[in-house]
C-alpha atoms as a PDB file:
ATOM      1  CA  ILE A   1      56.581   0.626-159.011  1.00  0.00           C
ATOM      2  CA  PRO A   2      53.706  -1.585-160.147  1.00  0.00           C
ATOM      3  CA  LYS A   3      50.386  -0.666-158.545  1.00  0.00           C
ATOM      4  CA  GLY A   4      49.630  -2.714-155.449  1.00  0.00           C
ATOM      5  CA  PHE A   5      53.205  -3.925-154.909  1.00  0.00           C
ATOM      6  CA  PRO A   6      54.851  -3.287-151.547  1.00  0.00           C
ATOM      7  CA  TYR A   7      58.068  -1.324-151.886  1.00  0.00           C
ATOM      8  CA  PHE A   8      60.867   0.381-150.001  1.00  0.00           C
ATOM      9  CA  CYS A   9      61.732   3.920-151.019  1.00  0.00           C
ATOM     10  CA  VAL A  10      64.462   6.423-150.107  1.00  0.00           C
ATOM     11  CA  ASP A  11      64.038   9.998-151.332  1.00  0.00           C
ATOM     12  CA  PHE A  12      67.151  12.118-151.820  1.00  0.00           C
ATOM     13  CA  GLY A  13      65.281  15.405-152.132  1.00  0.00           C
ATOM     14  CA  ASN A  14      66.098  17.248-155.348  1.00  0.00           C
ATOM     15  CA  GLU A  15      68.448  14.503-156.503  1.00  0.00           C
ATOM     16  CA  GLY A  16      65.951  11.698-157.087  1.00  0.00           C
ATOM     17  CA  GLY A  17      65.804   8.591-154.980  1.00  0.00           C
ATOM     18  CA  PHE A  18      65.829   4.827-154.782  1.00  0.00           C
ATOM     19  CA  ALA A  19      62.926   2.385-154.876  1.00  0.00           C
ATOM     20  CA  HIS A  20      62.972  -1.362-154.429  1.00  0.00           C
ATOM     21  CA  VAL A  21      59.950  -3.600-155.030  1.00  0.00           C
ATOM     22  CA  ILE A  22      59.393  -6.115-152.248  1.00  0.00           C
ATOM     23  CA  GLU A  23      58.529  -9.325-154.034  1.00  0.00           C
ATOM     24  CA  ASP A  24      58.150 -11.520-150.954  1.00  0.00           C
ATOM     25  CA  GLU A  25      57.322  -9.712-147.728  1.00  0.00           C
ATOM     26  CA  GLN A  26      57.992 -12.867-145.690  1.00  0.00           C
ATOM     27  CA  THR A  27      61.656 -13.018-146.707  1.00  0.00           C
ATOM     28  CA  PHE A  28      62.332  -9.265-147.010  1.00  0.00           C
ATOM     29  CA  PRO A  29      64.995  -8.386-144.401  1.00  0.00           C
ATOM     30  CA  TYR A  30      63.795  -6.057-141.621  1.00  0.00           C
ATOM     31  CA  TYR A  31      67.223  -4.357-141.633  1.00  0.00           C
ATOM     32  CA  PHE A  32      67.091  -3.400-145.329  1.00  0.00           C
ATOM     33  CA  GLY A  33      66.618   0.315-144.597  1.00  0.00           C
ATOM     34  CA  ARG A  34      69.515   0.337-142.161  1.00  0.00           C
ATOM     35  CA  GLU A  35      71.692  -1.369-144.736  1.00  0.00           C
ATOM     36  CA  ILE A  36      70.814   1.251-147.383  1.00  0.00           C
ATOM     37  CA  LEU A  37      71.490   4.170-145.027  1.00  0.00           C
ATOM     38  CA  GLY A  38      74.675   2.558-143.726  1.00  0.00           C
ATOM     39  CA  GLY A  39      75.911   2.184-147.288  1.00  0.00           C
ATOM     40  CA  MET A  40      75.022   5.786-148.142  1.00  0.00           C
ATOM     41  CA  LEU A  41      76.952   6.982-145.102  1.00  0.00           C
ATOM     42  CA  ASP A  42      79.806   4.579-145.787  1.00  0.00           C
ATOM     43  CA  ALA A  43      79.375   3.397-142.200  1.00  0.00           C
ATOM     44  CA  GLU A  44      80.992   0.296-140.816  1.00  0.00           C
ATOM     45  CA  PRO A  45      78.430  -2.546-140.700  1.00  0.00           C
ATOM     46  CA  GLN A  46      78.777  -3.026-136.932  1.00  0.00           C
ATOM     47  CA  LEU A  47      77.332   0.488-136.469  1.00  0.00           C
ATOM     48  CA  TRP A  48      74.020  -0.426-138.041  1.00  0.00           C
ATOM     49  CA  ARG A  49      73.791  -4.220-137.773  1.00  0.00           C
ATOM     50  CA  LYS A  50      73.946  -4.537-134.016  1.00  0.00           C
ATOM     51  CA  PRO A  51      74.013  -1.080-132.451  1.00  0.00           C
ATOM     52  CA  THR A  52      75.161  -0.980-128.859  1.00  0.00           C
ATOM     53  CA  LYS A  53      72.517  -0.296-126.235  1.00  0.00           C
ATOM     54  CA  GLU A  54      72.741   3.018-124.422  1.00  0.00           C
ATOM     55  CA  ASN A  55      71.056   3.992-121.216  1.00  0.00           C
ATOM     56  CA  PHE A  56      68.537   6.827-121.143  1.00  0.00           C
ATOM     57  CA  ASP A  57      70.869   9.391-119.548  1.00  0.00           C
ATOM     58  CA  ASP A  58      73.546   8.889-122.232  1.00  0.00           C
ATOM     59  CA  GLN A  59      70.966   9.232-124.997  1.00  0.00           C
ATOM     60  CA  ARG A  60      69.524  12.369-123.347  1.00  0.00           C
ATOM     61  CA  LYS A  61      72.978  13.990-123.192  1.00  0.00           C
ATOM     62  CA  LYS A  62      73.514  13.313-126.896  1.00  0.00           C
ATOM     63  CA  VAL A  63      70.119  14.796-127.770  1.00  0.00           C
ATOM     64  CA  LEU A  64      70.835  17.944-125.762  1.00  0.00           C
ATOM     65  CA  GLN A  65      74.276  18.301-127.375  1.00  0.00           C
ATOM     66  CA  PHE A  66      72.765  17.892-130.826  1.00  0.00           C
ATOM     67  CA  ALA A  67      70.012  20.434-130.061  1.00  0.00           C
ATOM     68  CA  GLU A  68      72.637  22.969-129.016  1.00  0.00           C
ATOM     69  CA  LYS A  69      74.684  22.437-132.193  1.00  0.00           C
ATOM     70  CA  TRP A  70      71.506  22.610-134.302  1.00  0.00           C
ATOM     71  CA  LYS A  71      70.332  25.987-132.926  1.00  0.00           C
ATOM     72  CA  PRO A  72      71.954  28.103-135.678  1.00  0.00           C
ATOM     73  CA  TYR A  73      70.070  26.064-138.310  1.00  0.00           C
ATOM     74  CA  ASP A  74      66.728  25.731-136.475  1.00  0.00           C
ATOM     75  CA  TRP A  75      64.286  27.592-138.691  1.00  0.00           C
ATOM     76  CA  THR A  76      61.458  26.950-136.220  1.00  0.00           C
ATOM     77  CA  GLN A  77      63.032  29.456-133.826  1.00  0.00           C
ATOM     78  CA  LYS A  78      62.483  32.167-136.430  1.00  0.00           C
ATOM     79  CA  LEU A  79      58.802  31.230-136.632  1.00  0.00           C
ATOM     80  CA  CYS A  80      58.428  31.745-132.893  1.00  0.00           C
ATOM     81  CA  LYS A  81      60.119  35.167-133.087  1.00  0.00           C
ATOM     82  CA  ASP A  82      57.881  36.222-135.996  1.00  0.00           C
ATOM     83  CA  ASP A  83      54.805  35.291-133.941  1.00  0.00           C
ATOM     84  CA  ASP A  84      56.049  37.452-131.061  1.00  0.00           C
ATOM     85  CA  ASP A  85      56.460  40.441-133.386  1.00  0.00           C
ATOM     86  CA  SER A  86      52.813  40.424-134.506  1.00  0.00           C
END
């Protein structure tokens, strides 16, 4: 990336990444990031172009369900247990 140029970057961790120089910020599409992620996930365009609106309660339920499924992988819980042991 040339110094001073605006750019969009996606990092894939240990597998490199993707960078795109933004030549004209006025015409650069605001949805570019969504388009990149949608393509990476092989998602149907309607999922990321115009997502449906959800009310707060529906979103909250999804967050709580995700948090429950994530518990076995939540490394921060181990940190809290280690602090209690000291």
